[in-house]
Amino acid sequence: MRSAHTLQSTVFISSVLAMTMTSGVAHAEPFTVKVDNLDHGRFSNEQVYGGFGCHGDNVSPPISWSRPPANAKSIVVTIYDPDAPTGGLGWTHWEVVNIPASQSSLEKGASGNAALLPMGAVETLTDFGESKYGGPCPPKGTSHRYIVTVSALDVPHVDVGKKSSPALVAYQMHGKVIAQARYVAKYRRAAN
């Protein structure tokens, strides 16, 4: 029997806003990100990691974003747990780079499925040591934050490959990020 896991989410919008023109007047339109299939605050077992004592299906969630800056040339999507017990280093659960700026989503189950990933997109290494999605699996009885960040870059691609580490991806993105949108969720694993 699987225990219920809860997810509370809050959308955080970056301070960088995309601007649109309507009737000659500038209106600030925020760059936002959304993660679907969270069913009224409950994290589907489908998205939980299958390993480390967790019994999920490890299916990557559908992620969509809207209103990136008009001058964006590529997108990077990252899922990161800052609360992982790694001595303050956190844990990267998924990273997809070189997504064309014309794209606005990653489909459910896109990880590990080239037919569902946008053309040219690359899944890089996570802290699980694989180049694919790894779902939430905090230690028993703890609650962690999972930060989904969509970064708009001013270059069409960054020089990384499938076996590039999260640190190398961050290094290659440095100075190229023009806007970010974040979605923050909390996931609690039952104590037993």
C-alpha atoms as a PDB file:
ATOM      1  CA  MET A   1       0.000   0.000   0.000  1.00  0.00           C
ATOM      2  CA  ARG A   2       1.409   3.347  -0.987  1.00  0.00           C
ATOM      3  CA  SER A   3       1.110   6.228   1.406  1.00  0.00           C
ATOM      4  CA  ALA A   4      -0.247   9.584   0.296  1.00  0.00           C
ATOM      5  CA  HIS A   5       2.292  12.285  -0.408  1.00  0.00           C
ATOM      6  CA  THR A   6       1.410  15.940  -0.469  1.00  0.00           C
ATOM      7  CA  LEU A   7       2.655  18.738  -2.577  1.00  0.00           C
ATOM      8  CA  GLN A   8       2.066  22.385  -1.852  1.00  0.00           C
ATOM      9  CA  SER A   9       3.028  24.691  -4.613  1.00  0.00           C
ATOM     10  CA  THR A  10       3.544  28.339  -5.124  1.00  0.00           C
ATOM     11  CA  VAL A  11       4.462  30.080  -8.303  1.00  0.00           C
ATOM     12  CA  PHE A  12       7.323  32.533  -8.029  1.00  0.00           C
ATOM     13  CA  ILE A  13       7.780  34.955 -10.872  1.00  0.00           C
ATOM     14  CA  SER A  14      11.171  36.371 -11.644  1.00  0.00           C
ATOM     15  CA  SER A  15      11.718  40.075 -11.445  1.00  0.00           C
ATOM     16  CA  VAL A  16      12.509  40.155 -15.137  1.00  0.00           C
ATOM     17  CA  LEU A  17       9.314  40.711 -17.107  1.00  0.00           C
ATOM     18  CA  ALA A  18       8.576  40.264 -20.774  1.00  0.00           C
ATOM     19  CA  MET A  19       7.036  43.373 -22.301  1.00  0.00           C
ATOM     20  CA  THR A  20       4.203  43.365 -24.813  1.00  0.00           C
ATOM     21  CA  MET A  21       2.606  46.259 -26.628  1.00  0.00           C
ATOM     22  CA  THR A  22      -1.162  46.704 -26.751  1.00  0.00           C
ATOM     23  CA  SER A  23      -2.749  49.792 -28.299  1.00  0.00           C
ATOM     24  CA  GLY A  24       0.549  51.642 -28.073  1.00  0.00           C
ATOM     25  CA  VAL A  25       0.757  51.170 -24.278  1.00  0.00           C
ATOM     26  CA  ALA A  26       3.379  48.917 -22.703  1.00  0.00           C
ATOM     27  CA  HIS A  27       2.026  46.244 -20.346  1.00  0.00           C
ATOM     28  CA  ALA A  28       4.257  44.041 -18.224  1.00  0.00           C
ATOM     29  CA  GLU A  29       3.514  40.384 -18.877  1.00  0.00           C
ATOM     30  CA  PRO A  30       5.287  38.046 -16.464  1.00  0.00           C
ATOM     31  CA  PHE A  31       7.378  35.106 -17.619  1.00  0.00           C
ATOM     32  CA  THR A  32       5.732  32.159 -15.838  1.00  0.00           C
ATOM     33  CA  VAL A  33       6.084  28.390 -15.500  1.00  0.00           C
ATOM     34  CA  LYS A  34       3.426  25.804 -14.679  1.00  0.00           C
ATOM     35  CA  VAL A  35       3.697  22.140 -13.683  1.00  0.00           C
ATOM     36  CA  ASP A  36       0.566  20.122 -14.441  1.00  0.00           C
ATOM     37  CA  ASN A  37      -0.810  16.876 -12.965  1.00  0.00           C
ATOM     38  CA  LEU A  38      -0.471  17.971  -9.345  1.00  0.00           C
ATOM     39  CA  ASP A  39      -4.128  17.125  -8.562  1.00  0.00           C
ATOM     40  CA  HIS A  40      -5.146  19.650  -5.889  1.00  0.00           C
ATOM     41  CA  GLY A  41      -1.835  19.669  -4.053  1.00  0.00           C
ATOM     42  CA  ARG A  42      -1.201  15.912  -4.163  1.00  0.00           C
ATOM     43  CA  PHE A  43       1.936  14.764  -5.930  1.00  0.00           C
ATOM     44  CA  SER A  44       1.131  11.784  -8.119  1.00  0.00           C
ATOM     45  CA  ASN A  45       3.084   8.637  -7.266  1.00  0.00           C
ATOM     46  CA  GLU A  46       3.727   8.490 -11.001  1.00  0.00           C
ATOM     47  CA  GLN A  47       6.260  11.349 -10.629  1.00  0.00           C
ATOM     48  CA  VAL A  48       8.021  10.043  -7.488  1.00  0.00           C
ATOM     49  CA  TYR A  49      11.435   8.390  -7.839  1.00  0.00           C
ATOM     50  CA  GLY A  50      11.587   4.606  -8.127  1.00  0.00           C
ATOM     51  CA  GLY A  51      14.551   3.801  -5.868  1.00  0.00           C
ATOM     52  CA  PHE A  52      16.271   4.858  -2.617  1.00  0.00           C
ATOM     53  CA  GLY A  53      13.302   3.243  -0.821  1.00  0.00           C
ATOM     54  CA  CYS A  54      10.704   5.219  -2.819  1.00  0.00           C
ATOM     55  CA  HIS A  55       8.238   3.319  -4.978  1.00  0.00           C
ATOM     56  CA  GLY A  56       7.186   5.784  -7.663  1.00  0.00           C
ATOM     57  CA  ASP A  57       7.023   5.389 -11.419  1.00  0.00           C
ATOM     58  CA  ASN A  58       9.588   8.163 -12.069  1.00  0.00           C
ATOM     59  CA  VAL A  59       7.642   9.764 -14.952  1.00  0.00           C
ATOM     60  CA  SER A  60       8.690  13.337 -15.745  1.00  0.00           C
ATOM     61  CA  PRO A  61       5.852  15.836 -15.228  1.00  0.00           C
ATOM     62  CA  PRO A  62       4.408  18.090 -17.921  1.00  0.00           C
ATOM     63  CA  ILE A  63       5.988  21.536 -17.625  1.00  0.00           C
ATOM     64  CA  SER A  64       4.891  24.579 -19.603  1.00  0.00           C
ATOM     65  CA  TRP A  65       5.962  28.218 -19.662  1.00  0.00           C
ATOM     66  CA  SER A  66       4.598  31.378 -21.149  1.00  0.00           C
ATOM     67  CA  ARG A  67       5.768  34.844 -22.146  1.00  0.00           C
ATOM     68  CA  PRO A  68       9.552  34.409 -22.231  1.00  0.00           C
ATOM     69  CA  PRO A  69      11.383  37.535 -23.401  1.00  0.00           C
ATOM     70  CA  ALA A  70      11.113  38.151 -27.140  1.00  0.00           C
ATOM     71  CA  ASN A  71      14.905  38.078 -27.469  1.00  0.00           C
ATOM     72  CA  ALA A  72      15.232  34.597 -25.925  1.00  0.00           C
ATOM     73  CA  LYS A  73      17.068  32.169 -28.217  1.00  0.00           C
ATOM     74  CA  SER A  74      16.888  29.003 -26.099  1.00  0.00           C
ATOM     75  CA  ILE A  75      15.384  27.597 -22.904  1.00  0.00           C
ATOM     76  CA  VAL A  76      16.804  25.482 -20.064  1.00  0.00           C
ATOM     77  CA  VAL A  77      14.546  23.611 -17.610  1.00  0.00           C
ATOM     78  CA  THR A  78      15.890  22.456 -14.240  1.00  0.00           C
ATOM     79  CA  ILE A  79      14.331  20.690 -11.231  1.00  0.00           C
ATOM     80  CA  TYR A  80      16.443  21.150  -8.106  1.00  0.00           C
ATOM     81  CA  ASP A  81      16.035  20.209  -4.416  1.00  0.00           C
ATOM     82  CA  PRO A  82      17.889  22.739  -2.210  1.00  0.00           C
ATOM     83  CA  ASP A  83      16.988  20.759   0.938  1.00  0.00           C
ATOM     84  CA  ALA A  84      18.747  17.496   0.022  1.00  0.00           C
ATOM     85  CA  PRO A  85      21.098  16.190   2.740  1.00  0.00           C
ATOM     86  CA  THR A  86      24.258  16.927   0.751  1.00  0.00           C
ATOM     87  CA  GLY A  87      26.000  19.423   3.007  1.00  0.00           C
ATOM     88  CA  GLY A  88      24.354  22.429   1.351  1.00  0.00           C
ATOM     89  CA  LEU A  89      24.946  21.364  -2.258  1.00  0.00           C
ATOM     90  CA  GLY A  90      21.329  20.424  -3.008  1.00  0.00           C
ATOM     91  CA  TRP A  91      20.292  17.847  -5.605  1.00  0.00           C
ATOM     92  CA  THR A  92      19.548  18.235  -9.323  1.00  0.00           C
ATOM     93  CA  HIS A  93      16.596  16.026 -10.328  1.00  0.00           C
ATOM     94  CA  TRP A  94      16.342  16.973 -14.006  1.00  0.00           C
ATOM     95  CA  GLU A  95      18.005  19.299 -16.474  1.00  0.00           C
ATOM     96  CA  VAL A  96      17.033  19.812 -20.115  1.00  0.00           C
ATOM     97  CA  VAL A  97      19.135  22.254 -22.141  1.00  0.00           C
ATOM     98  CA  ASN A  98      19.107  23.691 -25.666  1.00  0.00           C
ATOM     99  CA  ILE A  99      15.318  23.766 -25.934  1.00  0.00           C
ATOM    100  CA  PRO A 100      14.435  26.001 -28.903  1.00  0.00           C
ATOM    101  CA  ALA A 101      12.888  29.310 -27.826  1.00  0.00           C
ATOM    102  CA  SER A 102       9.900  28.521 -30.061  1.00  0.00           C
ATOM    103  CA  GLN A 103       8.900  25.701 -27.684  1.00  0.00           C
ATOM    104  CA  SER A 104       6.684  26.348 -24.672  1.00  0.00           C
ATOM    105  CA  SER A 105       6.490  22.980 -22.917  1.00  0.00           C
ATOM    106  CA  LEU A 106       7.910  19.584 -22.066  1.00  0.00           C
ATOM    107  CA  GLU A 107       5.335  16.817 -22.305  1.00  0.00           C
ATOM    108  CA  LYS A 108       4.572  14.321 -19.548  1.00  0.00           C
ATOM    109  CA  GLY A 109       7.011  11.422 -19.858  1.00  0.00           C
ATOM    110  CA  ALA A 110       9.370  13.353 -22.151  1.00  0.00           C
ATOM    111  CA  SER A 111      12.425  12.258 -20.186  1.00  0.00           C
ATOM    112  CA  GLY A 112      14.165   9.367 -21.887  1.00  0.00           C
ATOM    113  CA  ASN A 113      11.846   9.615 -24.890  1.00  0.00           C
ATOM    114  CA  ALA A 114      13.506  11.430 -27.804  1.00  0.00           C
ATOM    115  CA  ALA A 115      10.198  11.528 -29.684  1.00  0.00           C
ATOM    116  CA  LEU A 116       8.657  13.668 -26.911  1.00  0.00           C
ATOM    117  CA  LEU A 117      11.613  16.006 -26.326  1.00  0.00           C
ATOM    118  CA  PRO A 118      11.870  19.142 -28.481  1.00  0.00           C
ATOM    119  CA  MET A 119      14.287  18.737 -31.403  1.00  0.00           C
ATOM    120  CA  GLY A 120      17.815  19.655 -30.311  1.00  0.00           C
ATOM    121  CA  ALA A 121      17.045  19.430 -26.573  1.00  0.00           C
ATOM    122  CA  VAL A 122      19.541  17.519 -24.420  1.00  0.00           C
ATOM    123  CA  GLU A 123      18.977  15.882 -21.028  1.00  0.00           C
ATOM    124  CA  THR A 124      22.181  16.304 -19.023  1.00  0.00           C
ATOM    125  CA  LEU A 125      23.376  14.461 -15.917  1.00  0.00           C
ATOM    126  CA  THR A 126      21.430  14.696 -12.681  1.00  0.00           C
ATOM    127  CA  ASP A 127      22.728  13.963  -9.210  1.00  0.00           C
ATOM    128  CA  PHE A 128      21.327  10.441  -9.613  1.00  0.00           C
ATOM    129  CA  GLY A 129      24.184   9.957 -12.115  1.00  0.00           C
ATOM    130  CA  GLU A 130      21.845   9.561 -15.101  1.00  0.00           C
ATOM    131  CA  SER A 131      20.865  11.813 -17.973  1.00  0.00           C
ATOM    132  CA  LYS A 132      17.142  11.626 -17.266  1.00  0.00           C
ATOM    133  CA  TYR A 133      14.461  12.699 -14.803  1.00  0.00           C
ATOM    134  CA  GLY A 134      14.691  11.507 -11.205  1.00  0.00           C
ATOM    135  CA  GLY A 135      11.613  12.268  -9.117  1.00  0.00           C
ATOM    136  CA  PRO A 136      11.268  13.372  -5.489  1.00  0.00           C
ATOM    137  CA  CYS A 137      12.468  10.979  -2.788  1.00  0.00           C
ATOM    138  CA  PRO A 138      13.461  12.854   0.379  1.00  0.00           C
ATOM    139  CA  PRO A 139      14.471  10.932   3.500  1.00  0.00           C
ATOM    140  CA  LYS A 140      11.542   9.386   5.409  1.00  0.00           C
ATOM    141  CA  GLY A 141       9.552  11.853   7.479  1.00  0.00           C
ATOM    142  CA  THR A 142      10.947  14.964   5.780  1.00  0.00           C
ATOM    143  CA  SER A 143       9.564  17.642   3.497  1.00  0.00           C
ATOM    144  CA  HIS A 144      11.688  19.148   0.724  1.00  0.00           C
ATOM    145  CA  ARG A 145      11.284  21.952  -1.796  1.00  0.00           C
ATOM    146  CA  TYR A 146      11.536  21.133  -5.497  1.00  0.00           C
ATOM    147  CA  ILE A 147      12.281  24.193  -7.592  1.00  0.00           C
ATOM    148  CA  VAL A 148      11.370  24.046 -11.274  1.00  0.00           C
ATOM    149  CA  THR A 149      13.278  26.810 -13.059  1.00  0.00           C
ATOM    150  CA  VAL A 150      12.807  27.792 -16.678  1.00  0.00           C
ATOM    151  CA  SER A 151      15.689  29.962 -17.870  1.00  0.00           C
ATOM    152  CA  ALA A 152      15.556  32.026 -21.063  1.00  0.00           C
ATOM    153  CA  LEU A 153      18.993  32.418 -22.655  1.00  0.00           C
ATOM    154  CA  ASP A 154      20.299  34.917 -25.196  1.00  0.00           C
ATOM    155  CA  VAL A 155      22.150  32.169 -27.122  1.00  0.00           C
ATOM    156  CA  PRO A 156      20.673  29.351 -29.264  1.00  0.00           C
ATOM    157  CA  HIS A 157      22.549  26.649 -27.345  1.00  0.00           C
ATOM    158  CA  VAL A 158      25.078  26.060 -24.592  1.00  0.00           C
ATOM    159  CA  ASP A 159      28.121  23.858 -25.144  1.00  0.00           C
ATOM    160  CA  VAL A 160      27.159  20.818 -23.063  1.00  0.00           C
ATOM    161  CA  GLY A 161      26.319  17.190 -23.757  1.00  0.00           C
ATOM    162  CA  LYS A 162      24.414  14.302 -22.264  1.00  0.00           C
ATOM    163  CA  LYS A 163      27.197  13.532 -19.750  1.00  0.00           C
ATOM    164  CA  SER A 164      27.678  17.157 -18.610  1.00  0.00           C
ATOM    165  CA  SER A 165      27.318  17.734 -14.870  1.00  0.00           C
ATOM    166  CA  PRO A 166      24.904  20.250 -13.321  1.00  0.00           C
ATOM    167  CA  ALA A 167      27.921  22.407 -12.416  1.00  0.00           C
ATOM    168  CA  LEU A 168      29.163  22.464 -16.025  1.00  0.00           C
ATOM    169  CA  VAL A 169      25.678  23.371 -17.279  1.00  0.00           C
ATOM    170  CA  ALA A 170      25.494  26.245 -14.761  1.00  0.00           C
ATOM    171  CA  TYR A 171      28.957  27.421 -15.818  1.00  0.00           C
ATOM    172  CA  GLN A 172      27.994  27.394 -19.509  1.00  0.00           C
ATOM    173  CA  MET A 173      24.764  29.306 -18.741  1.00  0.00           C
ATOM    174  CA  HIS A 174      26.600  32.001 -16.761  1.00  0.00           C
ATOM    175  CA  GLY A 175      26.105  35.456 -18.284  1.00  0.00           C
ATOM    176  CA  LYS A 176      23.594  34.146 -20.853  1.00  0.00           C
ATOM    177  CA  VAL A 177      20.403  34.053 -18.732  1.00  0.00           C
ATOM    178  CA  ILE A 178      18.079  36.958 -19.529  1.00  0.00           C
ATOM    179  CA  ALA A 179      15.030  35.838 -17.524  1.00  0.00           C
ATOM    180  CA  GLN A 180      13.890  33.052 -15.228  1.00  0.00           C
ATOM    181  CA  ALA A 181      10.525  31.777 -14.057  1.00  0.00           C
ATOM    182  CA  ARG A 182      10.229  29.463 -11.043  1.00  0.00           C
ATOM    183  CA  TYR A 183       7.661  27.070  -9.658  1.00  0.00           C
ATOM    184  CA  VAL A 184       8.338  25.899  -6.099  1.00  0.00           C
ATOM    185  CA  ALA A 185       6.715  22.783  -4.672  1.00  0.00           C
ATOM    186  CA  LYS A 186       7.009  20.963  -1.337  1.00  0.00           C
ATOM    187  CA  TYR A 187       6.954  17.193  -1.181  1.00  0.00           C
ATOM    188  CA  ARG A 188       6.695  15.223   2.069  1.00  0.00           C
ATOM    189  CA  ARG A 189       7.600  11.567   2.390  1.00  0.00           C
ATOM    190  CA  ALA A 190       5.782   9.606   5.074  1.00  0.00           C
ATOM    191  CA  ALA A 191       7.799   8.515   8.110  1.00  0.00           C
ATOM    192  CA  ASN A 192       6.953   4.816   7.616  1.00  0.00           C
END
